[in-house]
Structure formats: structure tokens, C-alpha cells
Amino acid sequence: MSEKKKSDFSPICFRVSPDERAELERKAGSMTVSAFIRWLIFGDDATPRKRRVKRPIKDYRILAQLFTLIKQTQCWNNLNQITRGINSSTWIVTPETEKLLQDACKAIIEIRDMLMKALGLNAGDRS
């Protein structure tokens, strides 16, 4: 049994109108509203929070090429056929089916590499 991890931080909630929320978001700029409010109250003495790393898209051109590749490739259909055959115990390995599987694997690797490049990640990154 796993114990639920208790947070060191306690949430405080309060309600604002839609206009007040919009004003807070505008004034916060690139900060989260929560971080902005903590900064208003505590200034630079606010305890920093752990943040997830945001990885914005670095190259939209590569991403567009990726979507084109996904649309053009038959690897999804090939993988579906292979999976269906394996699940029904009717998949027979022939040179043709082996080529379908290899083509699907190559397409997936190419798609992964293009996506990582579009996100500005190194090929060695697996996170």
C-alpha cells in the first residue's frame, strides 16, 4: 500500500469576478496568477515552488512536416493489422508481414525524431 504524499503547502482559495480574474492574469504577465499573488503578499521572500519544465514548440515547420508524414504513412494501419493478427493468433510471419512491421517501426522512429526536434529536445532525452 502506498501512502499519499502530504504536501508542505496548504492551498488558500478565494473567489474573484471574471473581470478581477482577467485583471490578475494581465498584471501577472508571464507569472502564474498564484505566483503573482504570492509575490504581491510576500515579495521576494515568497517560498519558491517546484515547477514543471514547459517545453514549447521550437520549430513549427518541422511540426507541420510531421503531421504531413503521419497523414501520408500507412504505419498506423499496418500496426493495427499486425496487432489484430497477433491478438487473434492468426499473424503469420512472412517476408511481407515482416516488411510491414519494419516499415511501421521506421515511420514511428522518424515521427519520434521529428517531434523531438520540433520540441527542441536532444535525441538522447527520453523525458
N, C-alpha and C. Protein backbone atom coordinates (compact mmCIF):
# COMPACT_ATOMS: atom_id res chain seq x y z
N MET A 1 0.83 -1.18 0.00
CA MET A 1 0.00 0.00 0.00
C MET A 1 0.87 1.24 0.00
N SER A 2 0.53 2.17 -0.83
CA SER A 2 1.32 3.40 -0.87
C SER A 2 0.61 4.50 -0.09
N GLU A 3 1.40 5.22 0.67
CA GLU A 3 0.84 6.34 1.43
C GLU A 3 0.77 7.56 0.54
N LYS A 4 -0.28 8.34 0.72
CA LYS A 4 -0.42 9.56 -0.04
C LYS A 4 0.57 10.58 0.49
N LYS A 5 1.35 11.18 -0.42
CA LYS A 5 2.36 12.15 -0.01
C LYS A 5 1.67 13.44 0.44
N LYS A 6 2.02 13.88 1.64
CA LYS A 6 1.43 15.10 2.17
C LYS A 6 2.25 16.29 1.69
N SER A 7 1.58 17.27 1.15
CA SER A 7 2.25 18.47 0.64
C SER A 7 2.66 19.37 1.80
N ASP A 8 3.79 20.03 1.63
CA ASP A 8 4.24 21.00 2.62
C ASP A 8 3.47 22.32 2.49
N PHE A 9 2.70 22.45 1.42
CA PHE A 9 1.99 23.70 1.14
C PHE A 9 0.49 23.50 1.29
N SER A 10 -0.16 24.50 1.79
CA SER A 10 -1.59 24.45 2.01
C SER A 10 -2.29 25.45 1.08
N PRO A 11 -3.28 25.00 0.30
CA PRO A 11 -3.96 25.92 -0.61
C PRO A 11 -4.89 26.88 0.14
N ILE A 12 -5.00 28.07 -0.37
CA ILE A 12 -5.96 29.06 0.12
C ILE A 12 -6.76 29.50 -1.10
N CYS A 13 -8.07 29.37 -1.02
CA CYS A 13 -8.91 29.70 -2.16
C CYS A 13 -9.76 30.93 -1.84
N PHE A 14 -9.96 31.76 -2.83
CA PHE A 14 -10.89 32.88 -2.71
C PHE A 14 -11.48 33.16 -4.08
N ARG A 15 -12.65 33.73 -4.08
CA ARG A 15 -13.37 33.94 -5.33
C ARG A 15 -13.16 35.37 -5.85
N VAL A 16 -13.07 35.46 -7.16
CA VAL A 16 -12.96 36.75 -7.83
C VAL A 16 -13.94 36.76 -8.99
N SER A 17 -14.31 37.94 -9.42
CA SER A 17 -15.19 38.06 -10.57
C SER A 17 -14.39 37.79 -11.85
N PRO A 18 -15.06 37.53 -12.95
CA PRO A 18 -14.34 37.33 -14.21
C PRO A 18 -13.46 38.53 -14.57
N ASP A 19 -13.94 39.74 -14.30
CA ASP A 19 -13.13 40.93 -14.58
C ASP A 19 -11.91 41.00 -13.69
N GLU A 20 -12.09 40.66 -12.40
CA GLU A 20 -10.95 40.66 -11.49
C GLU A 20 -9.93 39.59 -11.90
N ARG A 21 -10.42 38.43 -12.32
CA ARG A 21 -9.52 37.35 -12.77
C ARG A 21 -8.71 37.81 -13.99
N ALA A 22 -9.40 38.44 -14.94
CA ALA A 22 -8.72 38.94 -16.14
C ALA A 22 -7.66 39.97 -15.77
N GLU A 23 -7.98 40.84 -14.82
CA GLU A 23 -7.02 41.85 -14.37
C GLU A 23 -5.81 41.21 -13.71
N LEU A 24 -6.05 40.19 -12.87
CA LEU A 24 -4.94 39.47 -12.24
C LEU A 24 -4.05 38.80 -13.29
N GLU A 25 -4.67 38.16 -14.28
CA GLU A 25 -3.89 37.50 -15.33
C GLU A 25 -3.09 38.50 -16.14
N ARG A 26 -3.70 39.66 -16.41
CA ARG A 26 -3.00 40.70 -17.17
C ARG A 26 -1.80 41.21 -16.38
N LYS A 27 -2.01 41.50 -15.10
CA LYS A 27 -0.93 42.03 -14.27
C LYS A 27 0.15 40.98 -13.99
N ALA A 28 -0.23 39.71 -13.95
CA ALA A 28 0.74 38.64 -13.68
C ALA A 28 1.72 38.48 -14.82
N GLY A 29 1.31 38.83 -16.03
CA GLY A 29 2.21 38.70 -17.18
C GLY A 29 2.58 37.25 -17.43
N SER A 30 3.87 36.93 -17.38
CA SER A 30 4.32 35.56 -17.63
C SER A 30 4.26 34.69 -16.38
N MET A 31 3.97 35.30 -15.23
CA MET A 31 3.85 34.54 -13.98
C MET A 31 2.49 33.87 -13.93
N THR A 32 2.39 32.80 -13.13
CA THR A 32 1.07 32.24 -12.87
C THR A 32 0.35 33.20 -11.93
N VAL A 33 -0.97 33.13 -11.92
CA VAL A 33 -1.74 34.00 -11.03
C VAL A 33 -1.37 33.70 -9.58
N SER A 34 -1.20 32.43 -9.26
CA SER A 34 -0.83 32.04 -7.90
C SER A 34 0.52 32.64 -7.50
N ALA A 35 1.51 32.53 -8.39
CA ALA A 35 2.84 33.09 -8.10
C ALA A 35 2.77 34.61 -7.96
N PHE A 36 1.96 35.24 -8.80
CA PHE A 36 1.81 36.68 -8.75
C PHE A 36 1.22 37.13 -7.41
N ILE A 37 0.18 36.44 -6.96
CA ILE A 37 -0.46 36.79 -5.68
C ILE A 37 0.53 36.58 -4.53
N ARG A 38 1.29 35.46 -4.55
CA ARG A 38 2.30 35.23 -3.52
C ARG A 38 3.34 36.35 -3.54
N TRP A 39 3.74 36.77 -4.74
CA TRP A 39 4.72 37.85 -4.85
C TRP A 39 4.15 39.15 -4.30
N LEU A 40 2.86 39.44 -4.58
CA LEU A 40 2.24 40.66 -4.04
C LEU A 40 2.23 40.65 -2.52
N ILE A 41 1.96 39.50 -1.93
CA ILE A 41 1.84 39.41 -0.48
C ILE A 41 3.21 39.33 0.20
N PHE A 42 4.07 38.44 -0.30
CA PHE A 42 5.33 38.16 0.38
C PHE A 42 6.55 38.80 -0.27
N GLY A 43 6.38 39.35 -1.45
CA GLY A 43 7.51 39.95 -2.14
C GLY A 43 8.54 38.89 -2.50
N ASP A 44 9.80 39.26 -2.42
CA ASP A 44 10.88 38.33 -2.77
C ASP A 44 11.10 37.25 -1.71
N ASP A 45 10.41 37.34 -0.57
CA ASP A 45 10.55 36.35 0.49
C ASP A 45 9.66 35.13 0.27
N ALA A 46 8.86 35.13 -0.80
CA ALA A 46 7.96 34.01 -1.08
C ALA A 46 8.78 32.75 -1.32
N THR A 47 8.31 31.64 -0.76
CA THR A 47 8.99 30.36 -0.95
C THR A 47 8.80 29.91 -2.40
N PRO A 48 9.90 29.65 -3.10
CA PRO A 48 9.76 29.22 -4.49
C PRO A 48 9.11 27.84 -4.59
N ARG A 49 8.36 27.62 -5.65
CA ARG A 49 7.68 26.35 -5.89
C ARG A 49 8.41 25.57 -6.97
N LYS A 50 8.30 24.26 -6.89
CA LYS A 50 8.83 23.42 -7.96
C LYS A 50 7.90 23.59 -9.15
N ARG A 51 8.50 23.75 -10.29
CA ARG A 51 7.70 23.93 -11.50
C ARG A 51 8.05 22.87 -12.51
N ARG A 52 7.04 22.43 -13.22
CA ARG A 52 7.30 21.53 -14.33
C ARG A 52 7.93 22.33 -15.45
N VAL A 53 8.85 21.70 -16.13
CA VAL A 53 9.52 22.38 -17.23
C VAL A 53 8.57 22.42 -18.42
N LYS A 54 8.30 23.61 -18.89
CA LYS A 54 7.49 23.75 -20.08
C LYS A 54 8.41 23.71 -21.28
N ARG A 55 8.07 22.90 -22.23
CA ARG A 55 8.90 22.77 -23.42
C ARG A 55 8.09 23.21 -24.62
N PRO A 56 8.13 24.48 -24.92
CA PRO A 56 7.35 24.96 -26.04
C PRO A 56 7.91 24.46 -27.37
N ILE A 57 7.07 24.49 -28.36
CA ILE A 57 7.48 24.07 -29.70
C ILE A 57 8.53 25.03 -30.22
N LYS A 58 9.64 24.48 -30.69
CA LYS A 58 10.74 25.28 -31.18
C LYS A 58 10.66 25.52 -32.69
N ASP A 59 10.10 24.56 -33.41
CA ASP A 59 10.11 24.65 -34.87
C ASP A 59 8.77 24.18 -35.43
N TYR A 60 7.92 25.12 -35.77
CA TYR A 60 6.59 24.79 -36.29
C TYR A 60 6.66 24.18 -37.70
N ARG A 61 7.71 24.51 -38.45
CA ARG A 61 7.86 23.94 -39.80
C ARG A 61 8.05 22.43 -39.71
N ILE A 62 8.90 22.00 -38.79
CA ILE A 62 9.13 20.57 -38.60
C ILE A 62 7.85 19.90 -38.12
N LEU A 63 7.12 20.56 -37.25
CA LEU A 63 5.87 20.01 -36.75
C LEU A 63 4.86 19.83 -37.88
N ALA A 64 4.81 20.79 -38.79
CA ALA A 64 3.92 20.67 -39.95
C ALA A 64 4.33 19.49 -40.83
N GLN A 65 5.64 19.32 -41.02
CA GLN A 65 6.13 18.17 -41.79
C GLN A 65 5.77 16.86 -41.09
N LEU A 66 5.83 16.88 -39.78
CA LEU A 66 5.50 15.69 -39.01
C LEU A 66 4.04 15.30 -39.23
N PHE A 67 3.15 16.26 -39.15
CA PHE A 67 1.73 15.96 -39.36
C PHE A 67 1.48 15.46 -40.78
N THR A 68 2.19 16.00 -41.75
CA THR A 68 2.07 15.53 -43.12
C THR A 68 2.53 14.07 -43.21
N LEU A 69 3.65 13.76 -42.58
CA LEU A 69 4.17 12.39 -42.59
C LEU A 69 3.17 11.43 -41.94
N ILE A 70 2.61 11.84 -40.82
CA ILE A 70 1.63 10.99 -40.13
C ILE A 70 0.43 10.72 -41.04
N LYS A 71 -0.01 11.76 -41.74
CA LYS A 71 -1.17 11.61 -42.62
C LYS A 71 -0.85 10.70 -43.81
N GLN A 72 0.36 10.80 -44.33
CA GLN A 72 0.72 10.03 -45.52
C GLN A 72 1.07 8.57 -45.22
N THR A 73 1.61 8.30 -44.05
CA THR A 73 2.11 6.97 -43.76
C THR A 73 0.98 5.99 -43.49
N GLN A 74 1.24 4.75 -43.81
CA GLN A 74 0.28 3.69 -43.54
C GLN A 74 0.67 2.89 -42.30
N CYS A 75 1.67 3.38 -41.55
CA CYS A 75 2.17 2.59 -40.43
C CYS A 75 1.09 2.32 -39.39
N TRP A 76 0.17 3.24 -39.19
CA TRP A 76 -0.88 3.03 -38.18
C TRP A 76 -1.79 1.90 -38.61
N ASN A 77 -2.13 1.88 -39.88
CA ASN A 77 -2.96 0.80 -40.41
C ASN A 77 -2.20 -0.52 -40.33
N ASN A 78 -0.91 -0.50 -40.69
CA ASN A 78 -0.10 -1.72 -40.63
C ASN A 78 -0.01 -2.24 -39.21
N LEU A 79 0.23 -1.36 -38.25
CA LEU A 79 0.32 -1.78 -36.85
C LEU A 79 -1.01 -2.34 -36.37
N ASN A 80 -2.10 -1.73 -36.80
CA ASN A 80 -3.42 -2.22 -36.41
C ASN A 80 -3.65 -3.63 -36.96
N GLN A 81 -3.29 -3.85 -38.21
CA GLN A 81 -3.45 -5.18 -38.80
C GLN A 81 -2.58 -6.21 -38.09
N ILE A 82 -1.34 -5.83 -37.77
CA ILE A 82 -0.43 -6.74 -37.08
C ILE A 82 -0.97 -7.07 -35.68
N THR A 83 -1.41 -6.03 -34.97
CA THR A 83 -1.96 -6.23 -33.62
C THR A 83 -3.17 -7.14 -33.66
N ARG A 84 -4.06 -6.91 -34.60
CA ARG A 84 -5.25 -7.73 -34.73
C ARG A 84 -4.86 -9.19 -35.00
N GLY A 85 -3.87 -9.39 -35.87
CA GLY A 85 -3.42 -10.74 -36.16
C GLY A 85 -2.78 -11.42 -34.97
N ILE A 86 -1.97 -10.67 -34.21
CA ILE A 86 -1.32 -11.24 -33.02
C ILE A 86 -2.37 -11.60 -31.98
N ASN A 87 -3.32 -10.71 -31.74
CA ASN A 87 -4.35 -10.95 -30.73
C ASN A 87 -5.24 -12.13 -31.08
N SER A 88 -5.45 -12.36 -32.35
CA SER A 88 -6.30 -13.49 -32.76
C SER A 88 -5.48 -14.73 -33.09
N SER A 89 -4.18 -14.68 -32.83
CA SER A 89 -3.25 -15.79 -33.09
C SER A 89 -3.25 -16.22 -34.55
N THR A 90 -3.52 -15.28 -35.45
CA THR A 90 -3.53 -15.61 -36.88
C THR A 90 -2.39 -14.94 -37.62
N TRP A 91 -1.55 -14.20 -36.92
CA TRP A 91 -0.47 -13.49 -37.58
C TRP A 91 0.64 -14.46 -37.91
N ILE A 92 0.93 -14.57 -39.18
CA ILE A 92 1.99 -15.45 -39.65
C ILE A 92 3.11 -14.57 -40.18
N VAL A 93 4.31 -14.84 -39.71
CA VAL A 93 5.45 -14.04 -40.13
C VAL A 93 5.87 -14.49 -41.53
N THR A 94 5.69 -13.60 -42.45
CA THR A 94 6.13 -13.82 -43.83
C THR A 94 7.05 -12.66 -44.18
N PRO A 95 7.76 -12.74 -45.28
CA PRO A 95 8.58 -11.59 -45.67
C PRO A 95 7.74 -10.31 -45.82
N GLU A 96 6.52 -10.45 -46.29
CA GLU A 96 5.65 -9.28 -46.47
C GLU A 96 5.24 -8.68 -45.13
N THR A 97 4.81 -9.53 -44.18
CA THR A 97 4.39 -9.01 -42.88
C THR A 97 5.58 -8.47 -42.09
N GLU A 98 6.73 -9.10 -42.25
CA GLU A 98 7.93 -8.59 -41.58
C GLU A 98 8.31 -7.22 -42.13
N LYS A 99 8.18 -7.02 -43.43
CA LYS A 99 8.45 -5.71 -44.04
C LYS A 99 7.46 -4.67 -43.54
N LEU A 100 6.17 -5.05 -43.41
CA LEU A 100 5.17 -4.12 -42.86
C LEU A 100 5.56 -3.67 -41.47
N LEU A 101 5.98 -4.60 -40.65
CA LEU A 101 6.37 -4.26 -39.28
C LEU A 101 7.61 -3.37 -39.26
N GLN A 102 8.60 -3.71 -40.08
CA GLN A 102 9.82 -2.89 -40.14
C GLN A 102 9.51 -1.48 -40.65
N ASP A 103 8.64 -1.37 -41.66
CA ASP A 103 8.26 -0.04 -42.17
C ASP A 103 7.53 0.77 -41.11
N ALA A 104 6.65 0.11 -40.36
CA ALA A 104 5.92 0.81 -39.30
C ALA A 104 6.89 1.29 -38.22
N CYS A 105 7.84 0.45 -37.85
CA CYS A 105 8.82 0.84 -36.83
C CYS A 105 9.68 2.01 -37.30
N LYS A 106 10.10 1.97 -38.56
CA LYS A 106 10.90 3.07 -39.10
C LYS A 106 10.11 4.38 -39.10
N ALA A 107 8.83 4.30 -39.49
CA ALA A 107 7.99 5.50 -39.51
C ALA A 107 7.81 6.07 -38.11
N ILE A 108 7.60 5.21 -37.14
CA ILE A 108 7.42 5.68 -35.76
C ILE A 108 8.70 6.32 -35.24
N ILE A 109 9.84 5.74 -35.54
CA ILE A 109 11.12 6.32 -35.13
C ILE A 109 11.32 7.68 -35.79
N GLU A 110 11.00 7.77 -37.08
CA GLU A 110 11.13 9.05 -37.79
C GLU A 110 10.19 10.10 -37.20
N ILE A 111 8.98 9.70 -36.89
CA ILE A 111 8.00 10.62 -36.29
C ILE A 111 8.49 11.08 -34.92
N ARG A 112 8.99 10.13 -34.11
CA ARG A 112 9.52 10.49 -32.79
C ARG A 112 10.67 11.48 -32.91
N ASP A 113 11.61 11.20 -33.83
CA ASP A 113 12.76 12.08 -34.01
C ASP A 113 12.34 13.48 -34.46
N MET A 114 11.38 13.55 -35.38
CA MET A 114 10.91 14.85 -35.86
C MET A 114 10.21 15.61 -34.74
N LEU A 115 9.42 14.91 -33.94
CA LEU A 115 8.72 15.56 -32.83
C LEU A 115 9.72 16.09 -31.80
N MET A 116 10.72 15.30 -31.50
CA MET A 116 11.74 15.76 -30.54
C MET A 116 12.48 16.97 -31.08
N LYS A 117 12.77 16.97 -32.38
CA LYS A 117 13.45 18.11 -32.98
C LYS A 117 12.56 19.35 -32.94
N ALA A 118 11.26 19.17 -33.24
CA ALA A 118 10.32 20.30 -33.21
C ALA A 118 10.20 20.88 -31.81
N LEU A 119 10.34 20.03 -30.78
CA LEU A 119 10.25 20.49 -29.40
C LEU A 119 11.59 20.98 -28.86
N GLY A 120 12.63 20.86 -29.67
CA GLY A 120 13.95 21.33 -29.25
C GLY A 120 14.64 20.40 -28.29
N LEU A 121 14.31 19.11 -28.33
CA LEU A 121 14.92 18.14 -27.45
C LEU A 121 16.03 17.39 -28.17
N ASN A 122 16.99 16.87 -27.41
CA ASN A 122 18.05 16.05 -27.99
C ASN A 122 17.54 14.64 -28.16
N ALA A 123 18.09 13.91 -29.11
CA ALA A 123 17.67 12.53 -29.33
C ALA A 123 17.92 11.66 -28.10
N GLY A 124 18.89 12.04 -27.28
CA GLY A 124 19.19 11.28 -26.08
C GLY A 124 18.19 11.49 -24.96
N ASP A 125 17.40 12.57 -25.02
CA ASP A 125 16.40 12.86 -23.99
C ASP A 125 15.26 11.87 -24.11
N ARG A 126 14.89 11.27 -23.02
CA ARG A 126 13.76 10.33 -23.04
C ARG A 126 12.66 10.79 -22.09
N SER A 127 12.75 12.01 -21.58
CA SER A 127 11.74 12.51 -20.65
C SER A 127 10.62 13.19 -21.36
